[in-house]
Amino acid sequence: MPFAIAVVLLVAIGLAVLSAFGTPRRFDPLLAVLRGAIQLALLSLILGGIIQNRWLVILALVVMATAAVLVAARRLGGGARAHAGAAAGIVAGCGTAMLVVFGSGALEPTPRYLLAFGGILIGNSMTIVTLTGRIARTSVRDHWDAVEGWLALGASRRQATIDLARRASYSALVPLVDQTRTTGLVVLPGAFVGAIFGGLSPLNAGAFQILVLCGAITAGAIASVLLLIVVGPAVTRPEDELHPSSR
């Protein structure tokens, strides 16, 4: 009962603040909480049956990565290039980070570590892919006159938009970089807290958290850059707003 009361109050306060300010789509956070609660409940039931089986955990990570690709691609407006870019970025980024960490022996490839490490990487990479694509789109739209100016001078579309793409990649990584920079000072990371609750010593939990942060930065960097490479430069001025279904 106290749990339910706390959840209801937190959601109600957030919704009241957004409503008072007139924020559009103010019910989206509420719907996200409801959806997240249902998904976590189902995930808890599923994990109880697969957590001891490495191959079932790997299958679960594949499902998670697929869902991440679909969500990110939809946020970027859909289309073949958005799906291909999101898939290439998320799979290559997370795969590279996991190969380094588990291949080097830094973590044992047990089902628990595979699920925890892989799940965190997939979630972070999805967010970075989404941010990269949307920031790049907005930057090109807002600076389209400059892009056309470069094109008029004979530059290729890639040359005309490369600086905007690079800034988008940097901007998408800023939240993760700031989180890493302030870990232990401002931010108490979830992986660190979860590892301690899972029985690890604070020292081992800290080591696990560092691996998570390094892996997330590597995966995010690869995901961001690959998305921009696969999607390629804009051919026409991006629309002012994405289709509502892609938000």
Protein backbone atom coordinates (compact mmCIF):
# COMPACT_ATOMS: atom_id res chain seq x y z
CA MET A 1 0.00 0.00 0.00
CA PRO A 2 2.70 2.62 0.81
CA PHE A 3 4.36 1.75 -2.50
CA ALA A 4 1.16 2.42 -4.45
CA ILE A 5 0.54 5.67 -2.56
CA ALA A 6 4.06 6.93 -3.32
CA VAL A 7 3.77 6.07 -7.02
CA VAL A 8 0.36 7.73 -7.38
CA LEU A 9 1.51 10.87 -5.56
CA LEU A 10 4.71 11.20 -7.60
CA VAL A 11 2.88 10.82 -10.91
CA ALA A 12 0.07 13.16 -9.79
CA ILE A 13 2.51 15.88 -8.73
CA GLY A 14 4.42 15.66 -12.01
CA LEU A 15 1.19 15.77 -14.03
CA ALA A 16 -0.11 18.74 -12.00
CA VAL A 17 3.09 20.72 -12.60
CA LEU A 18 3.02 20.05 -16.35
CA SER A 19 -0.69 20.90 -16.55
CA ALA A 20 -0.27 24.14 -14.61
CA PHE A 21 2.51 25.20 -16.97
CA GLY A 22 0.53 24.22 -20.06
CA THR A 23 3.13 21.72 -21.31
CA PRO A 24 1.88 19.90 -24.44
CA ARG A 25 1.37 16.12 -24.36
CA ARG A 26 1.42 16.33 -20.56
CA PHE A 27 -0.08 12.85 -20.17
CA ASP A 28 2.85 11.17 -21.94
CA PRO A 29 4.84 10.70 -18.69
CA LEU A 30 1.80 9.08 -17.05
CA LEU A 31 1.34 6.71 -19.96
CA ALA A 32 5.06 5.97 -19.89
CA VAL A 33 4.86 5.04 -16.18
CA LEU A 34 1.89 2.75 -16.78
CA ARG A 35 3.57 1.08 -19.73
CA GLY A 36 6.87 0.77 -17.85
CA ALA A 37 5.14 -0.81 -14.84
CA ILE A 38 3.43 -3.41 -17.00
CA GLN A 39 6.63 -4.16 -18.88
CA LEU A 40 8.66 -4.48 -15.68
CA ALA A 41 6.08 -6.83 -14.19
CA LEU A 42 6.22 -9.04 -17.25
CA LEU A 43 10.01 -8.82 -17.35
CA SER A 44 10.26 -9.88 -13.71
CA LEU A 45 8.19 -12.97 -14.44
CA ILE A 46 10.24 -13.81 -17.53
CA LEU A 47 13.61 -13.24 -15.86
CA GLY A 48 12.68 -15.64 -13.10
CA GLY A 49 12.65 -18.39 -15.70
CA ILE A 50 15.68 -17.46 -17.82
CA ILE A 51 18.20 -15.86 -15.46
CA GLN A 52 20.14 -19.12 -15.05
CA ASN A 53 20.26 -19.91 -18.78
CA ARG A 54 22.90 -18.02 -20.80
CA TRP A 55 21.30 -18.67 -24.19
CA LEU A 56 17.88 -17.55 -23.06
CA VAL A 57 19.48 -14.38 -21.69
CA ILE A 58 21.18 -13.78 -25.05
CA LEU A 59 17.80 -14.27 -26.75
CA ALA A 60 16.30 -11.72 -24.35
CA LEU A 61 19.04 -9.23 -25.26
CA VAL A 62 18.29 -9.76 -28.96
CA VAL A 63 14.62 -8.98 -28.30
CA MET A 64 15.60 -5.88 -26.30
CA ALA A 65 17.93 -4.68 -29.06
CA THR A 66 15.22 -5.20 -31.67
CA ALA A 67 12.74 -3.19 -29.62
CA ALA A 68 15.36 -0.45 -29.13
CA VAL A 69 15.96 -0.24 -32.88
CA LEU A 70 12.24 0.02 -33.60
CA VAL A 71 11.70 2.72 -30.96
CA ALA A 72 14.69 4.79 -32.09
CA ALA A 73 13.78 4.47 -35.78
CA ARG A 74 10.20 5.54 -35.09
CA ARG A 75 11.45 8.58 -33.17
CA LEU A 76 13.54 9.48 -36.22
CA GLY A 77 10.55 9.40 -38.53
CA GLY A 78 10.70 5.79 -39.66
CA GLY A 79 11.79 4.75 -43.13
CA ALA A 80 14.39 2.28 -44.32
CA ARG A 81 17.40 4.51 -43.63
CA ALA A 82 16.28 5.30 -40.09
CA HIS A 83 15.82 1.60 -39.32
CA ALA A 84 19.11 0.64 -40.95
CA GLY A 85 21.02 3.41 -39.16
CA ALA A 86 19.49 2.64 -35.77
CA ALA A 87 20.15 -1.08 -36.19
CA ALA A 88 23.74 -0.61 -37.34
CA GLY A 89 24.51 1.83 -34.54
CA ILE A 90 22.92 -0.07 -31.66
CA VAL A 91 24.13 -3.52 -32.68
CA ALA A 92 27.67 -2.45 -33.56
CA GLY A 93 28.03 -0.18 -30.52
CA CYS A 94 26.73 -2.64 -27.94
CA GLY A 95 28.42 -5.59 -29.63
CA THR A 96 31.82 -3.90 -29.60
CA ALA A 97 31.58 -2.89 -25.94
CA MET A 98 30.41 -6.34 -24.84
CA LEU A 99 33.10 -8.06 -26.89
CA VAL A 100 35.81 -5.98 -25.20
CA VAL A 101 34.48 -6.39 -21.66
CA PHE A 102 33.63 -10.08 -21.79
CA GLY A 103 36.39 -10.99 -24.22
CA SER A 104 39.06 -9.40 -22.02
CA GLY A 105 37.79 -11.23 -18.96
CA ALA A 106 36.91 -8.00 -17.13
CA LEU A 107 33.52 -9.60 -16.49
CA GLU A 108 32.60 -13.26 -16.54
CA PRO A 109 29.97 -14.01 -19.22
CA THR A 110 27.47 -15.28 -16.67
CA PRO A 111 23.76 -14.82 -17.41
CA ARG A 112 23.42 -12.14 -14.72
CA TYR A 113 26.33 -10.04 -15.99
CA LEU A 114 25.30 -10.49 -19.62
CA LEU A 115 21.78 -9.32 -18.86
CA ALA A 116 22.78 -6.40 -16.63
CA PHE A 117 25.63 -5.08 -18.78
CA GLY A 118 23.96 -5.69 -22.13
CA GLY A 119 20.62 -4.24 -21.05
CA ILE A 120 22.20 -1.01 -19.82
CA LEU A 121 24.20 -0.61 -23.04
CA ILE A 122 21.15 -1.18 -25.23
CA GLY A 123 19.07 1.40 -23.34
CA ASN A 124 21.81 4.03 -23.45
CA SER A 125 22.54 3.42 -27.12
CA MET A 126 18.87 3.76 -28.03
CA THR A 127 18.73 7.14 -26.28
CA ILE A 128 21.91 8.39 -27.94
CA VAL A 129 20.77 7.26 -31.40
CA THR A 130 17.47 9.08 -30.91
CA LEU A 131 19.16 12.25 -29.67
CA THR A 132 21.73 12.19 -32.46
CA GLY A 133 19.14 11.85 -35.20
CA ARG A 134 16.78 14.46 -33.85
CA ILE A 135 19.51 17.00 -33.07
CA ALA A 136 21.04 16.51 -36.53
CA ARG A 137 17.65 16.95 -38.15
CA THR A 138 16.93 20.13 -36.21
CA SER A 139 20.40 21.55 -36.90
CA VAL A 140 20.16 20.99 -40.64
CA ARG A 141 16.67 22.47 -40.72
CA ASP A 142 17.71 25.57 -38.75
CA HIS A 143 20.90 26.07 -40.80
CA TRP A 144 19.50 25.14 -44.20
CA ASP A 145 20.43 28.49 -45.71
CA ALA A 146 24.08 27.85 -44.82
CA VAL A 147 23.84 24.33 -46.23
CA GLU A 148 22.45 25.65 -49.50
CA GLY A 149 25.20 28.25 -49.55
CA TRP A 150 27.88 25.54 -49.35
CA LEU A 151 26.10 23.54 -52.04
CA ALA A 152 26.03 26.61 -54.29
CA LEU A 153 29.81 26.88 -53.87
CA GLY A 154 30.25 23.32 -55.13
CA ALA A 155 30.43 21.39 -51.88
CA SER A 156 28.94 17.92 -51.72
CA ARG A 157 25.97 17.29 -49.44
CA ARG A 158 28.25 15.51 -47.00
CA GLN A 159 30.70 18.43 -46.95
CA ALA A 160 27.84 20.91 -46.49
CA THR A 161 26.40 19.09 -43.45
CA ILE A 162 29.39 17.35 -41.84
CA ASP A 163 29.99 20.05 -39.20
CA LEU A 164 26.32 19.94 -38.18
CA ALA A 165 26.47 16.15 -37.96
CA ARG A 166 29.59 16.26 -35.80
CA ARG A 167 27.97 18.75 -33.43
CA ALA A 168 24.88 16.55 -33.22
CA SER A 169 27.00 13.56 -32.28
CA TYR A 170 28.76 15.57 -29.57
CA SER A 171 25.51 17.01 -28.20
CA ALA A 172 23.91 13.56 -28.01
CA LEU A 173 26.79 12.30 -25.86
CA VAL A 174 26.79 15.27 -23.45
CA PRO A 175 24.28 13.79 -20.93
CA LEU A 176 26.27 10.56 -20.68
CA VAL A 177 29.58 12.41 -20.44
CA ASP A 178 28.17 14.64 -17.69
CA GLN A 179 26.84 11.60 -15.83
CA THR A 180 30.25 9.97 -16.04
CA ARG A 181 32.02 13.14 -14.93
CA THR A 182 29.77 13.58 -11.89
CA THR A 183 29.51 9.93 -10.87
CA GLY A 184 29.95 9.64 -7.13
CA LEU A 185 29.71 13.40 -6.71
CA VAL A 186 26.31 14.38 -8.06
CA VAL A 187 25.04 11.11 -9.50
CA LEU A 188 24.75 7.79 -7.65
CA PRO A 189 24.44 5.42 -10.63
CA GLY A 190 21.80 2.74 -10.72
CA ALA A 191 24.27 0.03 -11.70
CA PHE A 192 26.41 0.84 -8.68
CA VAL A 193 23.46 0.78 -6.28
CA GLY A 194 22.06 -2.36 -7.87
CA ALA A 195 25.41 -4.15 -7.62
CA ILE A 196 25.63 -3.31 -3.91
CA PHE A 197 22.08 -4.55 -3.32
CA GLY A 198 23.07 -7.65 -5.29
CA GLY A 199 25.75 -8.45 -2.73
CA LEU A 200 28.93 -6.97 -4.22
CA SER A 201 31.32 -4.99 -2.05
CA PRO A 202 31.40 -1.21 -2.66
CA LEU A 203 34.81 -1.61 -4.34
CA ASN A 204 33.62 -4.31 -6.73
CA ALA A 205 30.40 -2.41 -7.35
CA GLY A 206 32.45 0.67 -8.24
CA ALA A 207 34.57 -1.36 -10.65
CA PHE A 208 31.41 -2.70 -12.30
CA GLN A 209 30.02 0.82 -12.61
CA ILE A 210 33.20 2.06 -14.30
CA LEU A 211 32.95 -0.78 -16.83
CA VAL A 212 29.31 0.17 -17.44
CA LEU A 213 30.14 3.85 -17.99
CA CYS A 214 33.09 3.11 -20.28
CA GLY A 215 31.03 0.58 -22.20
CA ALA A 216 28.13 3.00 -22.53
CA ILE A 217 30.38 5.78 -23.87
CA THR A 218 32.01 3.43 -26.38
CA ALA A 219 28.69 1.96 -27.50
CA GLY A 220 27.10 5.41 -27.68
CA ALA A 221 29.95 6.89 -29.70
CA ILE A 222 29.82 4.06 -32.24
CA ALA A 223 26.01 4.16 -32.38
CA SER A 224 25.92 7.92 -32.91
CA VAL A 225 28.52 8.00 -35.67
CA LEU A 226 27.19 4.93 -37.49
CA LEU A 227 23.67 6.33 -37.48
CA LEU A 228 24.85 9.53 -39.17
CA ILE A 229 26.94 7.60 -41.70
CA VAL A 230 24.17 5.17 -42.64
CA VAL A 231 21.38 7.75 -42.75
CA GLY A 232 23.60 10.13 -44.71
CA PRO A 233 23.23 13.86 -45.31
CA ALA A 234 19.84 15.45 -45.89
CA VAL A 235 18.77 15.70 -49.52
CA THR A 236 16.09 18.29 -48.86
CA ARG A 237 15.31 20.62 -45.97
CA PRO A 238 13.88 18.53 -43.09
CA GLU A 239 10.29 19.17 -42.16
CA ASP A 240 9.61 21.44 -39.20
CA GLU A 241 7.92 18.64 -37.27
CA LEU A 242 8.10 14.89 -37.39
CA HIS A 243 4.89 12.96 -37.94
CA PRO A 244 3.02 12.68 -34.61
CA SER A 245 3.31 8.88 -34.67
CA SER A 246 7.11 9.17 -34.58
CA ARG A 247 7.21 11.25 -31.40
